[in-house]
Amino acid sequence: LNEEQMKRLFDGQDLSKRSGIRDRAILETLYSTGLRVSELTKLNRDDVNLNSGEFTVIGKGRKARTVYLSPAAKDWIKRYLGLRGDSFKPLFLRYSGKHMESDDFDGESLRLTVRSVERMIKKYVANSGISVDATPHTLRHTYATGLLQEGADLRSVQELLGHSSVSTTQIYTHITNRQLKNVHKLYHKDIEGKPTSYTEDIEEEGSDIRGEDSGITSLS
């Protein structure tokens, strides 16, 4: 998602409702950390250090990594927890559907599910008029490409995403490579002072990238 689409997505919650505060906290957390949605829903409130803004998550293959919350993500989580009025273990709870079990003292039966987060994001995407079939993984993708566009090195992004192989992380470099090619086209001139021109190549590459992006949700 581009910057304008992200702003529309993050402005779509009804902040007069507890569920709206929760949803904004979820969006901020996903975008700030690059978590997989399954990692997000497994979080317990005691897992997250809201003072330091960093915590350890166990990802695929039982691989541990440290992730970092932005100031905005910390603030929204604090705001959400402040409205909860409970001591239940899950960081994010659902407020509709299955009722709490009578012998469930830690609120595990109210834990938000992966499917619930997927539905939530699709709802906000549709309401905001974004012409992208966005999923929770889209925020992970946006997080990764944003880091690379700002100059982060590939190895660091690999660690932040929890990829076992850097080749998986390299998928995200296609967008930045296309932007570099456009910069070269716009500003480089040959020895005779003529601008570089390969519009057709860029258009073809763009179509390849769109094809890869459309399947990006299958990546780890």
Protein backbone atom coordinates (compact mmCIF):
# COMPACT_ATOMS: atom_id res chain seq x y z
CA LEU A 1 0.00 0.00 0.00
CA ASN A 2 1.19 3.51 -0.71
CA GLU A 3 1.19 6.34 1.82
CA GLU A 4 -2.20 7.72 0.82
CA GLN A 5 -3.81 4.26 0.97
CA MET A 6 -2.30 3.63 4.39
CA LYS A 7 -3.70 6.90 5.73
CA ARG A 8 -7.17 6.00 4.46
CA LEU A 9 -6.94 2.54 6.00
CA PHE A 10 -5.82 3.88 9.37
CA ASP A 11 -8.52 6.56 9.42
CA GLY A 12 -11.38 4.07 9.01
CA GLN A 13 -11.99 2.98 12.60
CA ASP A 14 -14.89 4.15 14.75
CA LEU A 15 -12.91 5.40 17.73
CA SER A 16 -16.04 5.87 19.81
CA LYS A 17 -16.19 2.09 20.16
CA ARG A 18 -13.90 -0.24 22.08
CA SER A 19 -13.60 -2.47 19.01
CA GLY A 20 -12.50 0.52 16.94
CA ILE A 21 -9.72 1.35 19.41
CA ARG A 22 -8.66 -2.30 19.35
CA ASP A 23 -8.63 -2.39 15.55
CA ARG A 24 -6.49 0.74 15.33
CA ALA A 25 -4.08 -0.80 17.84
CA ILE A 26 -3.91 -3.94 15.71
CA LEU A 27 -3.20 -2.00 12.51
CA GLU A 28 -0.51 0.07 14.21
CA THR A 29 1.07 -3.08 15.67
CA LEU A 30 1.12 -4.97 12.37
CA TYR A 31 2.62 -2.04 10.50
CA SER A 32 5.14 -1.18 13.22
CA THR A 33 6.47 -4.70 13.71
CA GLY A 34 5.89 -6.59 10.46
CA LEU A 35 4.34 -9.44 12.46
CA ARG A 36 2.62 -12.31 10.73
CA VAL A 37 -1.06 -12.34 11.65
CA SER A 38 -0.66 -15.69 13.43
CA GLU A 39 2.10 -14.16 15.56
CA LEU A 40 -0.12 -11.20 16.40
CA THR A 41 -3.07 -13.28 17.57
CA LYS A 42 -0.84 -15.44 19.80
CA LEU A 43 0.41 -12.41 21.73
CA ASN A 44 -0.39 -12.17 25.42
CA ARG A 45 -0.45 -8.84 27.18
CA ASP A 46 2.52 -9.90 29.33
CA ASP A 47 4.57 -10.59 26.19
CA VAL A 48 4.68 -6.94 25.18
CA ASN A 49 6.90 -4.44 26.96
CA LEU A 50 5.14 -1.12 26.49
CA ASN A 51 7.92 0.76 28.27
CA SER A 52 10.79 -0.25 26.01
CA GLY A 53 8.56 -0.84 22.99
CA GLU A 54 10.31 -4.07 22.09
CA PHE A 55 9.51 -7.72 22.66
CA THR A 56 10.41 -11.19 21.48
CA VAL A 57 8.14 -13.23 19.24
CA ILE A 58 8.46 -16.89 18.27
CA GLY A 59 7.87 -17.23 14.54
CA LYS A 60 8.01 -19.97 11.96
CA GLY A 61 10.26 -22.88 12.81
CA ARG A 62 10.26 -21.78 16.47
CA LYS A 63 12.65 -19.00 15.49
CA ALA A 64 12.80 -16.14 18.00
CA ARG A 65 13.25 -12.53 16.94
CA THR A 66 12.92 -9.10 18.49
CA VAL A 67 10.36 -6.67 17.09
CA TYR A 68 9.84 -3.00 17.84
CA LEU A 69 6.75 -0.90 18.43
CA SER A 70 6.50 2.63 17.14
CA PRO A 71 5.43 5.34 19.62
CA ALA A 72 2.02 5.37 17.91
CA ALA A 73 1.63 1.60 18.29
CA LYS A 74 2.54 1.78 21.98
CA ASP A 75 0.05 4.59 22.56
CA TRP A 76 -2.82 2.79 20.84
CA ILE A 77 -2.17 -0.47 22.69
CA LYS A 78 -2.09 1.41 26.00
CA ARG A 79 -5.31 3.17 25.09
CA TYR A 80 -6.97 -0.13 24.20
CA LEU A 81 -5.81 -1.92 27.35
CA GLY A 82 -6.94 1.05 29.42
CA LEU A 83 -10.49 0.53 28.14
CA ARG A 84 -10.52 -3.20 28.75
CA GLY A 85 -11.11 -3.31 32.49
CA ASP A 86 -10.04 -6.95 32.70
CA SER A 87 -6.93 -8.99 33.43
CA PHE A 88 -7.37 -11.54 30.66
CA LYS A 89 -4.20 -12.98 29.16
CA PRO A 90 -4.69 -12.39 25.39
CA LEU A 91 -3.48 -9.03 24.13
CA PHE A 92 -6.35 -8.72 21.66
CA LEU A 93 -9.89 -9.92 22.42
CA ARG A 94 -12.92 -10.39 20.22
CA TYR A 95 -16.20 -8.78 21.17
CA SER A 96 -18.70 -10.77 19.12
CA GLY A 97 -19.35 -14.38 18.25
CA LYS A 98 -18.33 -17.04 20.73
CA HIS A 99 -19.16 -16.26 24.35
CA MET A 100 -16.71 -16.70 27.15
CA GLU A 101 -16.62 -20.18 28.68
CA SER A 102 -17.64 -20.34 32.33
CA ASP A 103 -14.40 -21.99 33.47
CA ASP A 104 -12.14 -19.75 31.38
CA PHE A 105 -10.46 -17.54 33.95
CA ASP A 106 -7.75 -16.11 31.69
CA GLY A 107 -10.00 -15.19 28.73
CA GLU A 108 -8.45 -17.65 26.30
CA SER A 109 -11.82 -18.39 24.71
CA LEU A 110 -12.10 -14.69 23.81
CA ARG A 111 -8.74 -14.52 22.03
CA LEU A 112 -8.99 -12.82 18.64
CA THR A 113 -8.49 -15.29 15.79
CA VAL A 114 -6.52 -15.03 12.56
CA ARG A 115 -9.75 -15.18 10.59
CA SER A 116 -11.22 -12.32 12.62
CA VAL A 117 -8.22 -10.09 11.86
CA GLU A 118 -8.44 -10.96 8.16
CA ARG A 119 -12.13 -10.04 8.07
CA MET A 120 -11.47 -6.84 9.99
CA ILE A 121 -8.84 -5.61 7.54
CA LYS A 122 -10.95 -6.52 4.52
CA LYS A 123 -13.81 -4.51 6.03
CA TYR A 124 -11.70 -1.39 6.46
CA VAL A 125 -10.16 -1.76 3.01
CA ALA A 126 -13.63 -1.96 1.46
CA ASN A 127 -14.95 0.96 3.50
CA SER A 128 -11.99 3.18 2.58
CA GLY A 129 -12.35 2.48 -1.14
CA ILE A 130 -8.82 1.15 -1.54
CA SER A 131 -8.57 -0.70 -4.84
CA VAL A 132 -6.26 -3.38 -3.44
CA ASP A 133 -7.21 -6.80 -2.12
CA ALA A 134 -5.34 -6.11 1.11
CA THR A 135 -4.78 -8.69 3.84
CA PRO A 136 -2.81 -8.66 7.11
CA HIS A 137 0.20 -9.75 5.07
CA THR A 138 -0.16 -6.60 2.97
CA LEU A 139 0.87 -4.59 6.04
CA ARG A 140 3.89 -6.87 6.51
CA HIS A 141 4.75 -6.31 2.85
CA THR A 142 4.32 -2.53 3.21
CA TYR A 143 6.49 -2.57 6.34
CA ALA A 144 9.31 -4.41 4.54
CA THR A 145 9.29 -2.35 1.35
CA GLY A 146 9.15 0.84 3.41
CA LEU A 147 12.30 -0.14 5.29
CA LEU A 148 14.12 -0.95 2.06
CA GLN A 149 13.00 2.26 0.39
CA GLU A 150 14.37 4.26 3.32
CA GLY A 151 17.76 2.57 2.97
CA ALA A 152 17.66 -0.39 5.38
CA ASP A 153 20.02 -3.19 4.42
CA LEU A 154 18.58 -6.50 3.28
CA ARG A 155 20.15 -8.55 6.09
CA SER A 156 18.57 -6.37 8.79
CA VAL A 157 15.15 -6.55 7.13
CA GLN A 158 15.52 -10.32 6.97
CA GLU A 159 16.06 -10.42 10.74
CA LEU A 160 13.15 -8.08 11.45
CA LEU A 161 10.80 -10.21 9.34
CA GLY A 162 12.06 -13.51 10.74
CA HIS A 163 12.91 -14.99 7.35
CA SER A 164 15.17 -18.04 7.51
CA SER A 165 16.62 -17.21 4.10
CA VAL A 166 17.58 -13.84 2.66
CA SER A 167 16.25 -15.02 -0.71
CA THR A 168 12.71 -14.71 0.68
CA THR A 169 13.41 -11.13 1.77
CA GLN A 170 14.80 -10.31 -1.68
CA ILE A 171 11.28 -10.62 -3.09
CA TYR A 172 10.56 -7.24 -1.51
CA THR A 173 13.41 -5.52 -3.37
CA HIS A 174 11.58 -5.64 -6.72
CA ILE A 175 9.57 -2.52 -5.89
CA THR A 176 12.64 -0.54 -4.90
CA ASN A 177 14.52 -1.77 -7.97
CA ARG A 178 11.73 -0.46 -10.19
CA GLN A 179 11.92 2.93 -8.49
CA LEU A 180 15.68 3.04 -9.03
CA LYS A 181 15.16 2.28 -12.71
CA ASN A 182 12.71 5.16 -12.98
CA VAL A 183 15.23 7.49 -11.31
CA HIS A 184 17.86 6.39 -13.81
CA LYS A 185 15.47 6.95 -16.70
CA LEU A 186 14.53 10.43 -15.52
CA TYR A 187 17.94 11.78 -14.61
CA HIS A 188 20.67 9.92 -16.48
CA LYS A 189 21.90 11.23 -19.83
CA ASP A 190 24.24 9.54 -22.26
CA ILE A 191 27.51 11.00 -23.52
CA GLU A 192 25.64 13.11 -26.06
CA GLY A 193 23.37 14.56 -23.40
CA LYS A 194 20.34 12.53 -24.40
CA PRO A 195 18.10 11.16 -21.65
CA THR A 196 17.90 7.44 -21.15
CA SER A 197 14.67 6.01 -22.53
CA TYR A 198 13.34 2.55 -21.91
CA THR A 199 9.70 3.14 -21.12
CA GLU A 200 8.67 -0.21 -22.52
CA ASP A 201 11.11 -2.04 -20.25
CA ILE A 202 9.74 -0.24 -17.20
CA GLU A 203 6.16 -0.99 -18.15
CA GLU A 204 7.00 -4.65 -18.70
CA GLU A 205 8.85 -4.83 -15.40
CA GLY A 206 5.93 -3.14 -13.66
CA SER A 207 3.56 -5.79 -14.98
CA ASP A 208 5.87 -8.51 -13.67
CA ILE A 209 6.00 -6.83 -10.29
CA ARG A 210 2.24 -6.55 -10.11
CA GLY A 211 2.02 -10.23 -10.84
CA GLU A 212 4.45 -11.04 -8.07
CA ASP A 213 2.73 -8.67 -5.67
CA SER A 214 -0.61 -10.31 -6.31
CA GLY A 215 0.84 -13.52 -4.93
CA ILE A 216 2.81 -11.93 -2.14
CA THR A 217 0.46 -13.20 0.54
CA SER A 218 1.83 -16.70 0.06
CA LEU A 219 5.27 -15.62 1.22
CA SER A 220 6.45 -16.21 4.74
